[in-house]
Amino acid sequence: MSAPGLADKAPLIVIDLQTGMFDGVHEPPIHDASGIVERTRSVIDWARRGGRKVAFIRHDGPEGDPLAPGEPGWPVWAALGQAEDEPTFAKSVCDAFSNPAFGDWVAGQGADGVVILGAQTDFCVAATVRSALGQGLGVTVVSDAHSTLDNADETARQVIARHNSEFAEAGASVLTTKALTGN
């Protein structure tokens, strides 16, 4: 099953779901961490079954940051089950497309769209969604498979809901895991 209007080849982009987002060592885990893992695994399985490519984006923080290369929080969260042939693209700013190799990989999939989930909603997910839309790509955001932390003004749940509305207003298709995968 495929969501209406979703290009058959649109690759899945898993943004910054790294150990530091889940382990609680330097910051609390992202909102609904266990649910995010479950739904992300469901979407990854859906993508693989449908022959879609999956890529992981990893934030490379500066020296001393919990997400700095080589730090315990830096690797992609193992519970997601990244396959050996699924690439990881590094970035040091919010927008995944800042890495030209990632942009080339997306273009090489022969699709005119991408499926996006990950962390953090209000930073790297939002920047990557905006960038993809700005490049004319169709964007599907998995509304219940991206997350963030509470901030001074909003709970994580409020941030996620607000961004889902903003993504839709900007032209992205915003679907739940169940609506996307049929599971």
N, C-alpha and C. Protein backbone atom coordinates (compact mmCIF):
# COMPACT_ATOMS: atom_id res chain seq x y z
N MET A 1 0.84 -1.18 0.00
CA MET A 1 0.00 0.00 0.00
C MET A 1 0.88 1.23 0.00
N SER A 2 0.48 2.23 -0.73
CA SER A 2 1.22 3.48 -0.78
C SER A 2 0.25 4.63 -0.63
N ALA A 3 0.71 5.67 0.02
CA ALA A 3 -0.13 6.84 0.23
C ALA A 3 -0.44 7.50 -1.11
N PRO A 4 -1.64 8.08 -1.23
CA PRO A 4 -2.01 8.74 -2.48
C PRO A 4 -1.02 9.85 -2.83
N GLY A 5 -0.61 9.91 -4.07
CA GLY A 5 0.25 10.98 -4.55
C GLY A 5 1.72 10.82 -4.18
N LEU A 6 2.10 9.75 -3.51
CA LEU A 6 3.48 9.56 -3.12
C LEU A 6 4.22 8.83 -4.24
N ALA A 7 5.26 9.45 -4.74
CA ALA A 7 6.04 8.85 -5.82
C ALA A 7 6.58 7.49 -5.39
N ASP A 8 6.51 6.53 -6.31
CA ASP A 8 6.93 5.16 -6.01
C ASP A 8 8.38 5.06 -5.56
N LYS A 9 9.24 5.92 -6.05
CA LYS A 9 10.66 5.83 -5.74
C LYS A 9 11.10 6.79 -4.64
N ALA A 10 10.20 7.57 -4.09
CA ALA A 10 10.58 8.56 -3.08
C ALA A 10 11.32 7.88 -1.94
N PRO A 11 12.60 8.24 -1.72
CA PRO A 11 13.36 7.60 -0.66
C PRO A 11 12.93 8.11 0.72
N LEU A 12 13.22 7.28 1.71
CA LEU A 12 12.97 7.63 3.10
C LEU A 12 14.23 8.26 3.69
N ILE A 13 14.06 9.40 4.33
CA ILE A 13 15.16 10.11 4.95
C ILE A 13 14.94 10.11 6.47
N VAL A 14 15.85 9.49 7.20
CA VAL A 14 15.78 9.38 8.66
C VAL A 14 16.78 10.39 9.23
N ILE A 15 16.26 11.45 9.83
CA ILE A 15 17.11 12.57 10.24
C ILE A 15 17.48 12.50 11.72
N ASP A 16 18.78 12.45 11.98
CA ASP A 16 19.37 12.66 13.31
C ASP A 16 18.81 11.80 14.43
N LEU A 17 18.35 10.62 14.13
CA LEU A 17 17.90 9.72 15.20
C LEU A 17 19.14 8.98 15.72
N GLN A 18 19.90 9.72 16.50
CA GLN A 18 21.18 9.29 17.02
C GLN A 18 21.05 8.90 18.49
N THR A 19 22.04 8.19 18.98
CA THR A 19 22.04 7.70 20.35
C THR A 19 21.74 8.81 21.35
N GLY A 20 22.32 9.99 21.15
CA GLY A 20 22.11 11.10 22.07
C GLY A 20 20.68 11.60 22.15
N MET A 21 19.86 11.25 21.17
CA MET A 21 18.44 11.64 21.21
C MET A 21 17.61 10.68 22.06
N PHE A 22 18.19 9.55 22.41
CA PHE A 22 17.44 8.50 23.11
C PHE A 22 18.01 8.11 24.46
N ASP A 23 19.32 8.24 24.65
CA ASP A 23 19.95 7.64 25.83
C ASP A 23 19.78 8.43 27.11
N GLY A 24 19.40 9.71 27.03
CA GLY A 24 19.17 10.51 28.23
C GLY A 24 20.42 10.88 29.01
N VAL A 25 21.59 10.70 28.43
CA VAL A 25 22.83 10.98 29.15
C VAL A 25 23.06 12.48 29.30
N HIS A 26 22.97 13.25 28.21
CA HIS A 26 23.24 14.69 28.26
C HIS A 26 21.98 15.54 28.25
N GLU A 27 20.93 15.03 27.67
CA GLU A 27 19.62 15.71 27.63
C GLU A 27 18.58 14.64 27.83
N PRO A 28 17.37 15.05 28.19
CA PRO A 28 16.30 14.04 28.25
C PRO A 28 16.10 13.43 26.87
N PRO A 29 15.62 12.21 26.80
CA PRO A 29 15.29 11.65 25.49
C PRO A 29 14.23 12.51 24.79
N ILE A 30 14.21 12.45 23.48
CA ILE A 30 13.18 13.18 22.74
C ILE A 30 11.79 12.70 23.18
N HIS A 31 10.81 13.54 22.96
CA HIS A 31 9.42 13.23 23.32
C HIS A 31 9.00 11.92 22.68
N ASP A 32 8.36 11.06 23.46
CA ASP A 32 7.83 9.78 23.00
C ASP A 32 8.90 8.94 22.30
N ALA A 33 10.06 8.88 22.92
CA ALA A 33 11.22 8.22 22.30
C ALA A 33 10.91 6.78 21.88
N SER A 34 10.30 6.00 22.74
CA SER A 34 10.04 4.60 22.37
C SER A 34 9.03 4.51 21.24
N GLY A 35 8.03 5.38 21.23
CA GLY A 35 7.06 5.42 20.13
C GLY A 35 7.70 5.85 18.82
N ILE A 36 8.64 6.79 18.89
CA ILE A 36 9.35 7.23 17.68
C ILE A 36 10.14 6.07 17.09
N VAL A 37 10.82 5.30 17.96
CA VAL A 37 11.57 4.14 17.46
C VAL A 37 10.62 3.15 16.80
N GLU A 38 9.52 2.84 17.45
CA GLU A 38 8.56 1.86 16.91
C GLU A 38 8.01 2.31 15.55
N ARG A 39 7.58 3.57 15.47
CA ARG A 39 7.00 4.06 14.22
C ARG A 39 8.07 4.22 13.13
N THR A 40 9.27 4.63 13.52
CA THR A 40 10.35 4.74 12.53
C THR A 40 10.68 3.37 11.97
N ARG A 41 10.77 2.36 12.82
CA ARG A 41 11.03 1.00 12.32
C ARG A 41 9.92 0.55 11.37
N SER A 42 8.68 0.89 11.69
CA SER A 42 7.56 0.53 10.82
C SER A 42 7.69 1.19 9.45
N VAL A 43 8.08 2.47 9.43
CA VAL A 43 8.23 3.18 8.16
C VAL A 43 9.44 2.64 7.39
N ILE A 44 10.53 2.34 8.10
CA ILE A 44 11.70 1.75 7.43
C ILE A 44 11.32 0.41 6.80
N ASP A 45 10.59 -0.42 7.54
CA ASP A 45 10.14 -1.71 6.99
C ASP A 45 9.26 -1.51 5.76
N TRP A 46 8.34 -0.55 5.83
CA TRP A 46 7.48 -0.22 4.69
C TRP A 46 8.32 0.18 3.48
N ALA A 47 9.31 1.04 3.71
CA ALA A 47 10.16 1.51 2.61
C ALA A 47 10.91 0.33 1.98
N ARG A 48 11.49 -0.49 2.81
CA ARG A 48 12.25 -1.64 2.29
C ARG A 48 11.35 -2.59 1.51
N ARG A 49 10.18 -2.89 2.05
CA ARG A 49 9.24 -3.80 1.35
C ARG A 49 8.85 -3.26 -0.01
N GLY A 50 8.75 -1.93 -0.11
CA GLY A 50 8.35 -1.30 -1.36
C GLY A 50 9.51 -1.01 -2.30
N GLY A 51 10.70 -1.43 -1.92
CA GLY A 51 11.86 -1.20 -2.78
C GLY A 51 12.38 0.23 -2.75
N ARG A 52 11.98 0.99 -1.74
CA ARG A 52 12.46 2.37 -1.61
C ARG A 52 13.82 2.37 -0.93
N LYS A 53 14.64 3.30 -1.29
CA LYS A 53 15.93 3.48 -0.63
C LYS A 53 15.72 4.21 0.69
N VAL A 54 16.60 3.94 1.64
CA VAL A 54 16.57 4.57 2.95
C VAL A 54 17.94 5.17 3.20
N ALA A 55 17.96 6.42 3.65
CA ALA A 55 19.21 7.07 4.03
C ALA A 55 19.06 7.65 5.43
N PHE A 56 20.15 7.62 6.15
CA PHE A 56 20.20 8.17 7.49
C PHE A 56 21.06 9.43 7.47
N ILE A 57 20.59 10.44 8.17
CA ILE A 57 21.34 11.69 8.32
C ILE A 57 21.85 11.72 9.75
N ARG A 58 23.11 12.08 9.89
CA ARG A 58 23.72 12.13 11.22
C ARG A 58 24.29 13.52 11.43
N HIS A 59 23.89 14.15 12.53
CA HIS A 59 24.43 15.47 12.87
C HIS A 59 25.81 15.31 13.50
N ASP A 60 26.77 16.02 12.96
CA ASP A 60 28.12 16.05 13.51
C ASP A 60 28.28 17.35 14.30
N GLY A 61 28.12 17.26 15.62
CA GLY A 61 28.27 18.43 16.46
C GLY A 61 29.73 18.85 16.59
N PRO A 62 29.95 20.05 17.13
CA PRO A 62 31.33 20.52 17.33
C PRO A 62 31.99 19.76 18.49
N GLU A 63 33.29 19.88 18.58
CA GLU A 63 34.04 19.23 19.66
C GLU A 63 33.41 19.56 21.01
N GLY A 64 33.24 18.55 21.84
CA GLY A 64 32.65 18.74 23.16
C GLY A 64 31.14 18.54 23.19
N ASP A 65 30.49 18.52 22.03
CA ASP A 65 29.06 18.32 21.93
C ASP A 65 28.75 16.83 22.04
N PRO A 66 27.64 16.45 22.67
CA PRO A 66 27.28 15.03 22.77
C PRO A 66 27.11 14.34 21.41
N LEU A 67 26.85 15.13 20.35
CA LEU A 67 26.70 14.56 19.00
C LEU A 67 27.95 14.76 18.15
N ALA A 68 29.07 15.09 18.78
CA ALA A 68 30.33 15.24 18.03
C ALA A 68 30.82 13.87 17.57
N PRO A 69 31.47 13.83 16.40
CA PRO A 69 32.00 12.55 15.92
C PRO A 69 32.84 11.85 16.99
N GLY A 70 32.54 10.57 17.15
CA GLY A 70 33.27 9.76 18.12
C GLY A 70 32.69 9.75 19.53
N GLU A 71 31.80 10.68 19.83
CA GLU A 71 31.18 10.71 21.16
C GLU A 71 30.13 9.61 21.25
N PRO A 72 29.82 9.14 22.46
CA PRO A 72 28.84 8.06 22.62
C PRO A 72 27.46 8.39 22.04
N GLY A 73 27.07 9.66 22.01
CA GLY A 73 25.76 10.04 21.49
C GLY A 73 25.70 10.19 19.98
N TRP A 74 26.82 10.07 19.30
CA TRP A 74 26.92 10.36 17.87
C TRP A 74 26.35 9.30 16.93
N PRO A 75 26.51 8.00 17.19
CA PRO A 75 26.04 7.01 16.21
C PRO A 75 24.52 7.02 16.01
N VAL A 76 24.12 6.55 14.84
CA VAL A 76 22.69 6.31 14.59
C VAL A 76 22.22 5.31 15.65
N TRP A 77 21.04 5.54 16.21
CA TRP A 77 20.48 4.69 17.27
C TRP A 77 20.33 3.27 16.75
N ALA A 78 21.02 2.35 17.38
CA ALA A 78 21.08 0.97 16.89
C ALA A 78 19.71 0.30 16.83
N ALA A 79 18.79 0.68 17.70
CA ALA A 79 17.46 0.05 17.73
C ALA A 79 16.67 0.28 16.44
N LEU A 80 17.12 1.20 15.60
CA LEU A 80 16.43 1.45 14.33
C LEU A 80 16.72 0.37 13.30
N GLY A 81 17.81 -0.36 13.49
CA GLY A 81 18.12 -1.46 12.58
C GLY A 81 18.60 -1.03 11.21
N GLN A 82 19.46 -0.02 11.16
CA GLN A 82 20.00 0.43 9.88
C GLN A 82 20.71 -0.73 9.19
N ALA A 83 20.36 -0.95 7.93
CA ALA A 83 20.99 -2.01 7.14
C ALA A 83 22.36 -1.54 6.66
N GLU A 84 23.22 -2.50 6.42
CA GLU A 84 24.60 -2.20 6.00
C GLU A 84 24.66 -1.39 4.71
N ASP A 85 23.70 -1.61 3.81
CA ASP A 85 23.73 -0.91 2.53
C ASP A 85 22.96 0.42 2.54
N GLU A 86 22.50 0.84 3.70
CA GLU A 86 21.78 2.12 3.81
C GLU A 86 22.77 3.20 4.25
N PRO A 87 22.99 4.19 3.40
CA PRO A 87 24.03 5.18 3.67
C PRO A 87 23.68 6.11 4.83
N THR A 88 24.75 6.63 5.42
CA THR A 88 24.64 7.68 6.43
C THR A 88 25.35 8.90 5.87
N PHE A 89 24.65 10.03 5.89
CA PHE A 89 25.23 11.29 5.43
C PHE A 89 25.39 12.22 6.61
N ALA A 90 26.56 12.79 6.74
CA ALA A 90 26.86 13.71 7.84
C ALA A 90 26.47 15.14 7.47
N LYS A 91 26.15 15.90 8.49
CA LYS A 91 25.91 17.34 8.33
C LYS A 91 26.32 18.03 9.61
N SER A 92 26.61 19.31 9.53
CA SER A 92 26.97 20.06 10.74
C SER A 92 26.06 21.27 10.95
N VAL A 93 25.08 21.42 10.07
CA VAL A 93 24.03 22.44 10.21
C VAL A 93 22.69 21.73 10.11
N CYS A 94 21.61 22.44 10.28
CA CYS A 94 20.29 21.80 10.34
C CYS A 94 19.86 21.12 9.04
N ASP A 95 20.10 21.74 7.92
CA ASP A 95 19.60 21.25 6.63
C ASP A 95 20.42 20.07 6.10
N ALA A 96 19.80 18.92 5.96
CA ALA A 96 20.50 17.74 5.44
C ALA A 96 21.04 17.98 4.03
N PHE A 97 20.37 18.83 3.26
CA PHE A 97 20.81 19.11 1.90
C PHE A 97 22.06 19.98 1.86
N SER A 98 22.54 20.42 3.02
CA SER A 98 23.81 21.16 3.06
C SER A 98 24.97 20.25 2.68
N ASN A 99 24.77 18.94 2.76
CA ASN A 99 25.78 17.98 2.34
C ASN A 99 25.52 17.67 0.86
N PRO A 100 26.38 18.14 -0.04
CA PRO A 100 26.14 17.91 -1.47
C PRO A 100 26.03 16.43 -1.84
N ALA A 101 26.74 15.57 -1.13
CA ALA A 101 26.66 14.13 -1.42
C ALA A 101 25.25 13.61 -1.15
N PHE A 102 24.60 14.14 -0.13
CA PHE A 102 23.22 13.73 0.16
C PHE A 102 22.30 14.20 -0.96
N GLY A 103 22.42 15.45 -1.37
CA GLY A 103 21.61 15.96 -2.47
C GLY A 103 21.80 15.15 -3.74
N ASP A 104 23.04 14.77 -4.03
CA ASP A 104 23.32 13.94 -5.19
C ASP A 104 22.67 12.56 -5.05
N TRP A 105 22.71 12.00 -3.83
CA TRP A 105 22.10 10.69 -3.59
C TRP A 105 20.59 10.76 -3.84
N VAL A 106 19.95 11.80 -3.31
CA VAL A 106 18.50 11.95 -3.52
C VAL A 106 18.22 12.05 -5.00
N ALA A 107 18.95 12.90 -5.71
CA ALA A 107 18.74 13.07 -7.15
C ALA A 107 18.95 11.75 -7.88
N GLY A 108 19.89 10.96 -7.42
CA GLY A 108 20.20 9.69 -8.06
C GLY A 108 19.13 8.62 -7.87
N GLN A 109 18.16 8.87 -7.03
CA GLN A 109 17.09 7.88 -6.81
C GLN A 109 16.02 7.96 -7.90
N GLY A 110 16.08 9.00 -8.72
CA GLY A 110 15.12 9.12 -9.81
C GLY A 110 13.72 9.45 -9.35
N ALA A 111 13.60 10.00 -8.18
CA ALA A 111 12.28 10.36 -7.64
C ALA A 111 12.15 11.87 -7.58
N ASP A 112 10.92 12.31 -7.59
CA ASP A 112 10.70 13.75 -7.46
C ASP A 112 10.19 14.11 -6.07
N GLY A 113 10.45 13.22 -5.11
CA GLY A 113 10.01 13.48 -3.75
C GLY A 113 10.80 12.69 -2.73
N VAL A 114 10.56 13.02 -1.45
CA VAL A 114 11.20 12.34 -0.34
C VAL A 114 10.18 12.15 0.77
N VAL A 115 10.43 11.16 1.61
CA VAL A 115 9.66 10.92 2.82
C VAL A 115 10.59 11.24 3.99
N ILE A 116 10.14 12.07 4.93
CA ILE A 116 11.01 12.56 5.99
C ILE A 116 10.42 12.25 7.36
N LEU A 117 11.32 11.83 8.27
CA LEU A 117 11.00 11.68 9.69
C LEU A 117 12.28 11.91 10.47
N GLY A 118 12.20 12.01 11.80
CA GLY A 118 13.42 12.14 12.59
C GLY A 118 13.36 13.16 13.70
N ALA A 119 14.52 13.76 13.98
CA ALA A 119 14.66 14.72 15.07
C ALA A 119 15.60 15.84 14.61
N GLN A 120 15.54 16.92 15.17
CA GLN A 120 14.49 17.46 15.99
C GLN A 120 13.53 18.21 15.11
N THR A 121 12.26 18.10 15.41
CA THR A 121 11.19 18.69 14.62
C THR A 121 11.47 20.14 14.26
N ASP A 122 11.80 20.94 15.26
CA ASP A 122 11.91 22.38 15.11
C ASP A 122 13.27 22.85 14.60
N PHE A 123 14.17 21.94 14.37
CA PHE A 123 15.49 22.31 13.86
C PHE A 123 15.78 21.57 12.55
N CYS A 124 16.35 20.40 12.64
CA CYS A 124 16.83 19.70 11.44
C CYS A 124 15.72 19.15 10.56
N VAL A 125 14.63 18.67 11.16
CA VAL A 125 13.51 18.21 10.34
C VAL A 125 12.92 19.39 9.59
N ALA A 126 12.62 20.48 10.30
CA ALA A 126 12.02 21.65 9.65
C ALA A 126 12.92 22.23 8.56
N ALA A 127 14.22 22.34 8.83
CA ALA A 127 15.14 22.91 7.84
C ALA A 127 15.22 22.02 6.59
N THR A 128 15.23 20.71 6.78
CA THR A 128 15.31 19.80 5.64
C THR A 128 14.01 19.79 4.84
N VAL A 129 12.88 19.85 5.52
CA VAL A 129 11.59 19.95 4.82
C VAL A 129 11.56 21.22 3.97
N ARG A 130 11.93 22.35 4.57
CA ARG A 130 11.94 23.62 3.82
C ARG A 130 12.87 23.55 2.61
N SER A 131 14.05 22.97 2.81
CA SER A 131 15.03 22.88 1.73
C SER A 131 14.51 21.99 0.60
N ALA A 132 13.94 20.84 0.94
CA ALA A 132 13.40 19.93 -0.08
C ALA A 132 12.28 20.61 -0.87
N LEU A 133 11.38 21.27 -0.17
CA LEU A 133 10.29 21.99 -0.85
C LEU A 133 10.86 23.09 -1.75
N GLY A 134 11.87 23.80 -1.25
CA GLY A 134 12.50 24.87 -2.03
C GLY A 134 13.17 24.37 -3.30
N GLN A 135 13.57 23.10 -3.29
CA GLN A 135 14.18 22.50 -4.47
C GLN A 135 13.14 21.91 -5.42
N GLY A 136 11.88 22.06 -5.06
CA GLY A 136 10.81 21.55 -5.91
C GLY A 136 10.50 20.08 -5.71
N LEU A 137 11.02 19.48 -4.65
CA LEU A 137 10.71 18.08 -4.37
C LEU A 137 9.35 17.97 -3.68
N GLY A 138 8.65 16.90 -3.96
CA GLY A 138 7.47 16.59 -3.18
C GLY A 138 7.94 16.07 -1.83
N VAL A 139 7.31 16.49 -0.77
CA VAL A 139 7.74 16.09 0.57
C VAL A 139 6.57 15.46 1.30
N THR A 140 6.81 14.28 1.84
CA THR A 140 5.87 13.64 2.74
C THR A 140 6.53 13.59 4.11
N VAL A 141 5.90 14.20 5.09
CA VAL A 141 6.38 14.18 6.46
C VAL A 141 5.54 13.18 7.24
N VAL A 142 6.20 12.28 7.94
CA VAL A 142 5.49 11.32 8.77
C VAL A 142 5.20 12.01 10.11
N SER A 143 3.96 12.43 10.27
CA SER A 143 3.57 13.35 11.34
C SER A 143 3.80 12.83 12.76
N ASP A 144 3.76 11.53 12.94
CA ASP A 144 3.95 10.97 14.28
C ASP A 144 5.29 10.25 14.41
N ALA A 145 6.22 10.53 13.49
CA ALA A 145 7.54 9.91 13.55
C ALA A 145 8.66 10.96 13.49
N HIS A 146 8.35 12.16 13.95
CA HIS A 146 9.40 13.15 14.20
C HIS A 146 9.15 13.72 15.58
N SER A 147 10.21 14.16 16.22
CA SER A 147 10.07 14.56 17.62
C SER A 147 11.11 15.61 18.00
N THR A 148 10.94 16.12 19.21
CA THR A 148 11.84 17.14 19.74
C THR A 148 11.73 17.13 21.26
N LEU A 149 12.24 18.18 21.87
CA LEU A 149 12.18 18.36 23.33
C LEU A 149 11.28 19.54 23.65
N ASP A 150 10.80 19.59 24.89
CA ASP A 150 10.10 20.78 25.35
C ASP A 150 11.05 21.97 25.26
N ASN A 151 10.48 23.16 25.06
CA ASN A 151 11.30 24.37 25.14
C ASN A 151 10.66 25.32 26.15
N ALA A 152 11.18 26.51 26.30
CA ALA A 152 10.68 27.44 27.32
C ALA A 152 9.24 27.86 27.08
N ASP A 153 8.77 27.82 25.83
CA ASP A 153 7.44 28.32 25.49
C ASP A 153 6.42 27.24 25.15
N GLU A 154 6.87 26.07 24.72
CA GLU A 154 5.96 25.03 24.25
C GLU A 154 6.43 23.66 24.70
N THR A 155 5.47 22.76 24.87
CA THR A 155 5.83 21.37 25.09
C THR A 155 6.24 20.78 23.74
N ALA A 156 6.94 19.67 23.78
CA ALA A 156 7.33 19.01 22.54
C ALA A 156 6.09 18.68 21.70
N ARG A 157 5.04 18.22 22.36
CA ARG A 157 3.81 17.89 21.64
C ARG A 157 3.26 19.11 20.88
N GLN A 158 3.32 20.29 21.51
CA GLN A 158 2.86 21.51 20.85
C GLN A 158 3.76 21.90 19.68
N VAL A 159 5.07 21.75 19.87
CA VAL A 159 6.02 22.06 18.79
C VAL A 159 5.74 21.16 17.59
N ILE A 160 5.56 19.88 17.84
CA ILE A 160 5.31 18.91 16.77
C ILE A 160 4.01 19.25 16.04
N ALA A 161 2.95 19.51 16.78
CA ALA A 161 1.66 19.85 16.16
C ALA A 161 1.77 21.13 15.32
N ARG A 162 2.43 22.13 15.87
CA ARG A 162 2.58 23.40 15.14
C ARG A 162 3.36 23.17 13.84
N HIS A 163 4.44 22.43 13.92
CA HIS A 163 5.23 22.19 12.71
C HIS A 163 4.48 21.33 11.70
N ASN A 164 3.73 20.35 12.16
CA ASN A 164 2.93 19.57 11.20
C ASN A 164 2.00 20.49 10.42
N SER A 165 1.37 21.44 11.09
CA SER A 165 0.50 22.41 10.41
C SER A 165 1.30 23.28 9.44
N GLU A 166 2.46 23.73 9.89
CA GLU A 166 3.30 24.57 9.03
C GLU A 166 3.81 23.78 7.81
N PHE A 167 4.17 22.52 8.01
CA PHE A 167 4.62 21.70 6.89
C PHE A 167 3.50 21.57 5.85
N ALA A 168 2.30 21.31 6.32
CA ALA A 168 1.15 21.17 5.41
C ALA A 168 0.87 22.49 4.69
N GLU A 169 0.92 23.60 5.41
CA GLU A 169 0.68 24.91 4.79
C GLU A 169 1.74 25.22 3.73
N ALA A 170 2.95 24.72 3.93
CA ALA A 170 4.04 24.98 2.98
C ALA A 170 3.97 24.07 1.76
N GLY A 171 3.07 23.07 1.79
CA GLY A 171 2.90 22.21 0.63
C GLY A 171 3.32 20.77 0.82
N ALA A 172 3.78 20.41 2.00
CA ALA A 172 4.14 19.01 2.26
C ALA A 172 2.89 18.19 2.51
N SER A 173 2.96 16.94 2.19
CA SER A 173 1.93 15.98 2.57
C SER A 173 2.29 15.51 3.97
N VAL A 174 1.36 15.59 4.89
CA VAL A 174 1.63 15.23 6.29
C VAL A 174 0.74 14.05 6.64
N LEU A 175 1.37 12.88 6.83
CA LEU A 175 0.64 11.63 7.05
C LEU A 175 1.12 10.93 8.31
N THR A 176 0.23 10.27 8.99
CA THR A 176 0.63 9.43 10.11
C THR A 176 1.31 8.16 9.58
N THR A 177 2.00 7.47 10.47
CA THR A 177 2.63 6.22 10.09
C THR A 177 1.60 5.25 9.53
N LYS A 178 0.46 5.14 10.19
CA LYS A 178 -0.58 4.22 9.74
C LYS A 178 -1.11 4.59 8.35
N ALA A 179 -1.34 5.89 8.12
CA ALA A 179 -1.84 6.32 6.81
C ALA A 179 -0.81 6.04 5.71
N LEU A 180 0.46 6.19 6.04
CA LEU A 180 1.53 5.96 5.06
C LEU A 180 1.72 4.47 4.78
N THR A 181 1.81 3.68 5.84
CA THR A 181 2.22 2.28 5.69
C THR A 181 1.05 1.31 5.62
N GLY A 182 -0.11 1.73 6.06
CA GLY A 182 -1.27 0.84 6.12
C GLY A 182 -1.24 -0.06 7.34
N ASN A 183 -0.26 0.13 8.21
CA ASN A 183 -0.14 -0.68 9.45
C ASN A 183 -0.41 0.16 10.68
